[in-house]
PDB file of all heavy atoms in Angstrom:
ATOM      1  N   GLU A   1      52.679 -48.572 -59.064  1.00  0.00           N
ATOM      2  CA  GLU A   1      51.718 -48.307 -58.007  1.00  0.00           C
ATOM      3  C   GLU A   1      51.000 -46.986 -58.258  1.00  0.00           C
ATOM      4  O   GLU A   1      51.532 -46.085 -58.904  1.00  0.00           O
ATOM      5  CB  GLU A   1      52.418 -48.269 -56.648  1.00  0.00           C
ATOM      6  CG  GLU A   1      53.022 -49.599 -56.227  1.00  0.00           C
ATOM      7  CD  GLU A   1      53.626 -49.548 -54.845  1.00  0.00           C
ATOM      8  OE1 GLU A   1      53.733 -48.439 -54.284  1.00  0.00           O
ATOM      9  OE2 GLU A   1      53.979 -50.609 -54.324  1.00  0.00           O
ATOM     10  N   ARG A   2      49.795 -46.896 -57.718  1.00  0.00           N
ATOM     11  CA  ARG A   2      49.050 -45.658 -57.797  1.00  0.00           C
ATOM     12  C   ARG A   2      49.744 -44.591 -56.956  1.00  0.00           C
ATOM     13  O   ARG A   2      50.166 -44.848 -55.830  1.00  0.00           O
ATOM     14  CB  ARG A   2      47.619 -45.881 -57.313  1.00  0.00           C
ATOM     15  CG  ARG A   2      46.667 -44.752 -57.630  1.00  0.00           C
ATOM     16  CD  ARG A   2      45.216 -45.167 -57.343  1.00  0.00           C
ATOM     17  NE  ARG A   2      44.811 -46.288 -58.182  1.00  0.00           N
ATOM     18  CZ  ARG A   2      43.579 -46.779 -58.213  1.00  0.00           C
ATOM     19  NH1 ARG A   2      42.628 -46.243 -57.452  1.00  0.00           N
ATOM     20  NH2 ARG A   2      43.308 -47.808 -58.999  1.00  0.00           N
ATOM     21  N   GLU A   3      49.858 -43.389 -57.510  1.00  0.00           N
ATOM     22  CA  GLU A   3      50.544 -42.317 -56.820  1.00  0.00           C
ATOM     23  C   GLU A   3      49.690 -41.058 -56.771  1.00  0.00           C
ATOM     24  O   GLU A   3      48.900 -40.786 -57.673  1.00  0.00           O
ATOM     25  CB  GLU A   3      51.879 -42.003 -57.486  1.00  0.00           C
ATOM     26  CG  GLU A   3      51.758 -41.479 -58.911  1.00  0.00           C
ATOM     27  CD  GLU A   3      53.085 -41.075 -59.513  1.00  0.00           C
ATOM     28  OE1 GLU A   3      54.079 -40.984 -58.767  1.00  0.00           O
ATOM     29  OE2 GLU A   3      53.127 -40.849 -60.741  1.00  0.00           O
ATOM     30  N   GLY A   4      49.871 -40.285 -55.718  1.00  0.00           N
ATOM     31  CA  GLY A   4      49.173 -39.029 -55.587  1.00  0.00           C
ATOM     32  C   GLY A   4      49.729 -37.977 -56.518  1.00  0.00           C
ATOM     33  O   GLY A   4      50.940 -37.895 -56.722  1.00  0.00           O
ATOM     34  N   VAL A   5      48.852 -37.164 -57.082  1.00  0.00           N
ATOM     35  CA  VAL A   5      49.232 -36.115 -58.017  1.00  0.00           C
ATOM     36  C   VAL A   5      48.973 -34.732 -57.426  1.00  0.00           C
ATOM     37  O   VAL A   5      49.852 -33.873 -57.418  1.00  0.00           O
ATOM     38  CB  VAL A   5      48.482 -36.263 -59.351  1.00  0.00           C
ATOM     39  CG1 VAL A   5      48.812 -35.104 -60.287  1.00  0.00           C
ATOM     40  CG2 VAL A   5      48.822 -37.597 -60.005  1.00  0.00           C
ATOM     41  N   SER A   6      47.760 -34.523 -56.942  1.00  0.00           N
ATOM     42  CA  SER A   6      47.376 -33.212 -56.439  1.00  0.00           C
ATOM     43  C   SER A   6      46.126 -33.352 -55.585  1.00  0.00           C
ATOM     44  O   SER A   6      45.390 -34.328 -55.707  1.00  0.00           O
ATOM     45  CB  SER A   6      47.116 -32.254 -57.609  1.00  0.00           C
ATOM     46  OG  SER A   6      46.822 -30.946 -57.154  1.00  0.00           O
ATOM     47  N   SER A   7      45.876 -32.366 -54.742  1.00  0.00           N
ATOM     48  CA  SER A   7      44.665 -32.362 -53.932  1.00  0.00           C
ATOM     49  C   SER A   7      44.235 -30.930 -53.658  1.00  0.00           C
ATOM     50  O   SER A   7      45.035 -29.997 -53.747  1.00  0.00           O
ATOM     51  CB  SER A   7      44.865 -33.120 -52.616  1.00  0.00           C
ATOM     52  OG  SER A   7      45.796 -32.460 -51.780  1.00  0.00           O
ATOM     53  N   ILE A   8      42.957 -30.784 -53.318  1.00  0.00           N
ATOM     54  CA  ILE A   8      42.406 -29.477 -52.995  1.00  0.00           C
ATOM     55  C   ILE A   8      41.329 -29.637 -51.936  1.00  0.00           C
ATOM     56  O   ILE A   8      40.576 -30.613 -51.942  1.00  0.00           O
ATOM     57  CB  ILE A   8      41.847 -28.775 -54.253  1.00  0.00           C
ATOM     58  CG1 ILE A   8      41.435 -27.340 -53.941  1.00  0.00           C
ATOM     59  CG2 ILE A   8      40.690 -29.572 -54.854  1.00  0.00           C
ATOM     60  CD1 ILE A   8      41.141 -26.509 -55.182  1.00  0.00           C
ATOM     61  N   SER A   9      41.264 -28.673 -51.042  1.00  0.00           N
ATOM     62  CA  SER A   9      40.215 -28.612 -50.039  1.00  0.00           C
ATOM     63  C   SER A   9      39.230 -27.529 -50.439  1.00  0.00           C
ATOM     64  O   SER A   9      39.614 -26.372 -50.625  1.00  0.00           O
ATOM     65  CB  SER A   9      40.790 -28.301 -48.665  1.00  0.00           C
ATOM     66  OG  SER A   9      39.767 -27.966 -47.757  1.00  0.00           O
ATOM     67  N   SER A  10      37.957 -27.890 -50.561  1.00  0.00           N
ATOM     68  CA  SER A  10      36.937 -26.910 -50.934  1.00  0.00           C
ATOM     69  C   SER A  10      36.705 -25.891 -49.831  1.00  0.00           C
ATOM     70  O   SER A  10      36.370 -24.744 -50.113  1.00  0.00           O
ATOM     71  CB  SER A  10      35.627 -27.619 -51.260  1.00  0.00           C
ATOM     72  OG  SER A  10      35.759 -28.460 -52.384  1.00  0.00           O
ATOM     73  N   SER A  11      36.872 -26.293 -48.577  1.00  0.00           N
ATOM     74  CA  SER A  11      36.567 -25.421 -47.456  1.00  0.00           C
ATOM     75  C   SER A  11      37.583 -24.306 -47.267  1.00  0.00           C
ATOM     76  O   SER A  11      37.204 -23.175 -46.947  1.00  0.00           O
ATOM     77  CB  SER A  11      36.438 -26.234 -46.170  1.00  0.00           C
ATOM     78  OG  SER A  11      37.642 -26.902 -45.864  1.00  0.00           O
ATOM     79  N   ASP A  12      38.864 -24.588 -47.451  1.00  0.00           N
ATOM     80  CA  ASP A  12      39.878 -23.558 -47.252  1.00  0.00           C
ATOM     81  C   ASP A  12      40.699 -23.248 -48.498  1.00  0.00           C
ATOM     82  O   ASP A  12      41.523 -22.333 -48.471  1.00  0.00           O
ATOM     83  CB  ASP A  12      40.802 -23.894 -46.082  1.00  0.00           C
ATOM     84  CG  ASP A  12      41.620 -25.155 -46.291  1.00  0.00           C
ATOM     85  OD1 ASP A  12      41.705 -25.645 -47.439  1.00  0.00           O
ATOM     86  OD2 ASP A  12      42.187 -25.652 -45.304  1.00  0.00           O
ATOM     87  N   GLY A  13      40.495 -23.994 -49.578  1.00  0.00           N
ATOM     88  CA  GLY A  13      41.145 -23.710 -50.846  1.00  0.00           C
ATOM     89  C   GLY A  13      42.596 -24.122 -50.950  1.00  0.00           C
ATOM     90  O   GLY A  13      43.241 -23.836 -51.967  1.00  0.00           O
ATOM     91  N   ARG A  14      43.126 -24.764 -49.938  1.00  0.00           N
ATOM     92  CA  ARG A  14      44.524 -25.170 -49.981  1.00  0.00           C
ATOM     93  C   ARG A  14      44.736 -26.277 -51.000  1.00  0.00           C
ATOM     94  O   ARG A  14      43.907 -27.167 -51.165  1.00  0.00           O
ATOM     95  CB  ARG A  14      45.004 -25.626 -48.610  1.00  0.00           C
ATOM     96  CG  ARG A  14      45.132 -24.495 -47.602  1.00  0.00           C
ATOM     97  CD  ARG A  14      45.830 -24.955 -46.343  1.00  0.00           C
ATOM     98  NE  ARG A  14      45.053 -25.964 -45.635  1.00  0.00           N
ATOM     99  CZ  ARG A  14      45.474 -26.615 -44.560  1.00  0.00           C
ATOM    100  NH1 ARG A  14      46.675 -26.353 -44.057  1.00  0.00           N
ATOM    101  NH2 ARG A  14      44.695 -27.505 -43.977  1.00  0.00           N
ATOM    102  N   THR A  15      45.877 -26.219 -51.674  1.00  0.00           N
ATOM    103  CA  THR A  15      46.222 -27.194 -52.689  1.00  0.00           C
ATOM    104  C   THR A  15      47.575 -27.812 -52.392  1.00  0.00           C
ATOM    105  O   THR A  15      48.423 -27.213 -51.722  1.00  0.00           O
ATOM    106  CB  THR A  15      46.249 -26.562 -54.084  1.00  0.00           C
ATOM    107  OG1 THR A  15      47.216 -25.502 -54.116  1.00  0.00           O
ATOM    108  CG2 THR A  15      44.889 -25.987 -54.448  1.00  0.00           C
ATOM    109  N   SER A  16      47.770 -29.010 -52.909  1.00  0.00           N
ATOM    110  CA  SER A  16      49.040 -29.704 -52.788  1.00  0.00           C
ATOM    111  C   SER A  16      49.357 -30.382 -54.105  1.00  0.00           C
ATOM    112  O   SER A  16      48.449 -30.787 -54.838  1.00  0.00           O
ATOM    113  CB  SER A  16      48.996 -30.748 -51.667  1.00  0.00           C
ATOM    114  OG  SER A  16      48.790 -30.147 -50.405  1.00  0.00           O
ATOM    115  N   TYR A  17      50.654 -30.524 -54.397  1.00  0.00           N
ATOM    116  CA  TYR A  17      51.093 -31.128 -55.639  1.00  0.00           C
ATOM    117  C   TYR A  17      52.275 -32.052 -55.390  1.00  0.00           C
ATOM    118  O   TYR A  17      53.139 -31.769 -54.559  1.00  0.00           O
ATOM    119  CB  TYR A  17      51.533 -30.070 -56.651  1.00  0.00           C
ATOM    120  CG  TYR A  17      50.440 -29.123 -57.069  1.00  0.00           C
ATOM    121  CD1 TYR A  17      50.234 -27.936 -56.393  1.00  0.00           C
ATOM    122  CD2 TYR A  17      49.616 -29.427 -58.146  1.00  0.00           C
ATOM    123  CE1 TYR A  17      49.225 -27.064 -56.777  1.00  0.00           C
ATOM    124  CE2 TYR A  17      48.605 -28.565 -58.533  1.00  0.00           C
ATOM    125  CZ  TYR A  17      48.416 -27.382 -57.842  1.00  0.00           C
ATOM    126  OH  TYR A  17      47.416 -26.523 -58.226  1.00  0.00           O
ATOM    127  N   ALA A  18      52.308 -33.130 -56.127  1.00  0.00           N
ATOM    128  CA  ALA A  18      53.493 -33.963 -56.145  1.00  0.00           C
ATOM    129  C   ALA A  18      54.626 -33.206 -56.827  1.00  0.00           C
ATOM    130  O   ALA A  18      54.399 -32.391 -57.728  1.00  0.00           O
ATOM    131  CB  ALA A  18      53.216 -35.269 -56.877  1.00  0.00           C
ATOM    132  N   ASP A  19      55.855 -33.477 -56.403  1.00  0.00           N
ATOM    133  CA  ASP A  19      56.995 -32.778 -56.982  1.00  0.00           C
ATOM    134  C   ASP A  19      57.083 -32.956 -58.493  1.00  0.00           C
ATOM    135  O   ASP A  19      57.524 -32.058 -59.212  1.00  0.00           O
ATOM    136  CB  ASP A  19      58.292 -33.265 -56.338  1.00  0.00           C
ATOM    137  CG  ASP A  19      58.455 -32.788 -54.906  1.00  0.00           C
ATOM    138  OD1 ASP A  19      57.767 -31.828 -54.512  1.00  0.00           O
ATOM    139  OD2 ASP A  19      59.278 -33.380 -54.186  1.00  0.00           O
ATOM    140  N   SER A  20      56.657 -34.101 -58.976  1.00  0.00           N
ATOM    141  CA  SER A  20      56.775 -34.411 -60.392  1.00  0.00           C
ATOM    142  C   SER A  20      55.880 -33.554 -61.284  1.00  0.00           C
ATOM    143  O   SER A  20      56.111 -33.480 -62.493  1.00  0.00           O
ATOM    144  CB  SER A  20      56.466 -35.888 -60.636  1.00  0.00           C
ATOM    145  OG  SER A  20      55.156 -36.212 -60.210  1.00  0.00           O
ATOM    146  N   VAL A  21      54.864 -32.902 -60.702  1.00  0.00           N
ATOM    147  CA  VAL A  21      53.931 -32.120 -61.511  1.00  0.00           C
ATOM    148  C   VAL A  21      53.904 -30.651 -61.134  1.00  0.00           C
ATOM    149  O   VAL A  21      53.209 -29.864 -61.801  1.00  0.00           O
ATOM    150  CB  VAL A  21      52.502 -32.693 -61.437  1.00  0.00           C
ATOM    151  CG1 VAL A  21      52.494 -34.160 -61.816  1.00  0.00           C
ATOM    152  CG2 VAL A  21      51.892 -32.485 -60.053  1.00  0.00           C
ATOM    153  N   LYS A  22      54.641 -30.256 -60.127  1.00  0.00           N
ATOM    154  CA  LYS A  22      54.657 -28.851 -59.722  1.00  0.00           C
ATOM    155  C   LYS A  22      55.119 -27.960 -60.871  1.00  0.00           C
ATOM    156  O   LYS A  22      56.088 -28.265 -61.552  1.00  0.00           O
ATOM    157  CB  LYS A  22      55.571 -28.651 -58.521  1.00  0.00           C
ATOM    158  CG  LYS A  22      54.999 -29.152 -57.213  1.00  0.00           C
ATOM    159  CD  LYS A  22      55.952 -28.898 -56.053  1.00  0.00           C
ATOM    160  CE  LYS A  22      55.361 -29.387 -54.746  1.00  0.00           C
ATOM    161  NZ  LYS A  22      56.302 -29.198 -53.618  1.00  0.00           N
ATOM    162  N   GLY A  23      54.405 -26.870 -61.067  1.00  0.00           N
ATOM    163  CA  GLY A  23      54.717 -25.951 -62.144  1.00  0.00           C
ATOM    164  C   GLY A  23      54.082 -26.307 -63.463  1.00  0.00           C
ATOM    165  O   GLY A  23      54.095 -25.489 -64.393  1.00  0.00           O
ATOM    166  N   ARG A  24      53.534 -27.511 -63.575  1.00  0.00           N
ATOM    167  CA  ARG A  24      52.905 -27.950 -64.823  1.00  0.00           C
ATOM    168  C   ARG A  24      51.405 -28.196 -64.663  1.00  0.00           C
ATOM    169  O   ARG A  24      50.643 -27.937 -65.590  1.00  0.00           O
ATOM    170  CB  ARG A  24      53.565 -29.223 -65.341  1.00  0.00           C
ATOM    171  CG  ARG A  24      55.046 -29.072 -65.650  1.00  0.00           C
ATOM    172  CD  ARG A  24      55.593 -30.306 -66.361  1.00  0.00           C
ATOM    173  NE  ARG A  24      55.488 -31.503 -65.534  1.00  0.00           N
ATOM    174  CZ  ARG A  24      54.808 -32.596 -65.872  1.00  0.00           C
ATOM    175  NH1 ARG A  24      54.165 -32.645 -67.043  1.00  0.00           N
ATOM    176  NH2 ARG A  24      54.776 -33.646 -65.064  1.00  0.00           N
ATOM    177  N   PHE A  25      50.999 -28.713 -63.520  1.00  0.00           N
ATOM    178  CA  PHE A  25      49.596 -29.027 -63.265  1.00  0.00           C
ATOM    179  C   PHE A  25      49.004 -28.027 -62.289  1.00  0.00           C
ATOM    180  O   PHE A  25      49.692 -27.550 -61.372  1.00  0.00           O
ATOM    181  CB  PHE A  25      49.450 -30.429 -62.662  1.00  0.00           C
ATOM    182  CG  PHE A  25      49.784 -31.562 -63.586  1.00  0.00           C
ATOM    183  CD1 PHE A  25      50.372 -31.365 -64.818  1.00  0.00           C
ATOM    184  CD2 PHE A  25      49.492 -32.861 -63.189  1.00  0.00           C
ATOM    185  CE1 PHE A  25      50.682 -32.424 -65.656  1.00  0.00           C
ATOM    186  CE2 PHE A  25      49.791 -33.930 -64.018  1.00  0.00           C
ATOM    187  CZ  PHE A  25      50.386 -33.716 -65.242  1.00  0.00           C
ATOM    188  N   THR A  26      47.725 -27.732 -62.464  1.00  0.00           N
ATOM    189  CA  THR A  26      47.012 -26.844 -61.558  1.00  0.00           C
ATOM    190  C   THR A  26      45.665 -27.452 -61.211  1.00  0.00           C
ATOM    191  O   THR A  26      44.892 -27.805 -62.102  1.00  0.00           O
ATOM    192  CB  THR A  26      46.792 -25.454 -62.183  1.00  0.00           C
ATOM    193  OG1 THR A  26      48.044 -24.873 -62.543  1.00  0.00           O
ATOM    194  CG2 THR A  26      46.087 -24.533 -61.185  1.00  0.00           C
ATOM    195  N   ILE A  27      45.387 -27.567 -59.928  1.00  0.00           N
ATOM    196  CA  ILE A  27      44.103 -28.077 -59.478  1.00  0.00           C
ATOM    197  C   ILE A  27      43.214 -26.904 -59.078  1.00  0.00           C
ATOM    198  O   ILE A  27      43.688 -25.904 -58.550  1.00  0.00           O
ATOM    199  CB  ILE A  27      44.279 -29.068 -58.304  1.00  0.00           C
ATOM    200  CG1 ILE A  27      42.977 -29.822 -58.025  1.00  0.00           C
ATOM    201  CG2 ILE A  27      44.788 -28.366 -57.054  1.00  0.00           C
ATOM    202  CD1 ILE A  27      43.155 -30.999 -57.065  1.00  0.00           C
ATOM    203  N   SER A  28      41.926 -27.020 -59.352  1.00  0.00           N
ATOM    204  CA  SER A  28      40.973 -25.985 -58.995  1.00  0.00           C
ATOM    205  C   SER A  28      39.625 -26.621 -58.712  1.00  0.00           C
ATOM    206  O   SER A  28      39.384 -27.781 -59.057  1.00  0.00           O
ATOM    207  CB  SER A  28      40.852 -24.925 -60.099  1.00  0.00           C
ATOM    208  OG  SER A  28      40.385 -25.500 -61.304  1.00  0.00           O
ATOM    209  N   SER A  29      38.740 -25.846 -58.089  1.00  0.00           N
ATOM    210  CA  SER A  29      37.440 -26.361 -57.700  1.00  0.00           C
ATOM    211  C   SER A  29      36.348 -25.354 -58.027  1.00  0.00           C
ATOM    212  O   SER A  29      36.511 -24.162 -57.802  1.00  0.00           O
ATOM    213  CB  SER A  29      37.425 -26.671 -56.204  1.00  0.00           C
ATOM    214  OG  SER A  29      36.156 -27.123 -55.784  1.00  0.00           O
ATOM    215  N   ASP A  30      35.253 -25.842 -58.572  1.00  0.00           N
ATOM    216  CA  ASP A  30      34.046 -25.051 -58.784  1.00  0.00           C
ATOM    217  C   ASP A  30      32.996 -25.633 -57.856  1.00  0.00           C
ATOM    218  O   ASP A  30      32.332 -26.615 -58.189  1.00  0.00           O
ATOM    219  CB  ASP A  30      33.599 -25.113 -60.235  1.00  0.00           C
ATOM    220  CG  ASP A  30      32.420 -24.201 -60.521  1.00  0.00           C
ATOM    221  OD1 ASP A  30      31.710 -23.810 -59.578  1.00  0.00           O
ATOM    222  OD2 ASP A  30      32.198 -23.871 -61.706  1.00  0.00           O
ATOM    223  N   ASN A  31      32.859 -25.038 -56.682  1.00  0.00           N
ATOM    224  CA  ASN A  31      31.974 -25.597 -55.668  1.00  0.00           C
ATOM    225  C   ASN A  31      30.507 -25.591 -56.099  1.00  0.00           C
ATOM    226  O   ASN A  31      29.743 -26.471 -55.701  1.00  0.00           O
ATOM    227  CB  ASN A  31      32.129 -24.839 -54.353  1.00  0.00           C
ATOM    228  CG  ASN A  31      33.463 -25.107 -53.686  1.00  0.00           C
ATOM    229  OD1 ASN A  31      34.291 -25.858 -54.206  1.00  0.00           O
ATOM    230  ND2 ASN A  31      33.672 -24.492 -52.533  1.00  0.00           N
TER     231      ASN A  31
END
C-alpha cells in the first residue's frame, strides 16, 4: 500500500516524518 513518508507546511514550516525515515530523510521547501 501507499504510505506517507514526510510532509511540510509552507505557511508555518512544520515538518513531519514517518518513523522509518527519521534521521535519514529531510524535507524542505523553496517557496
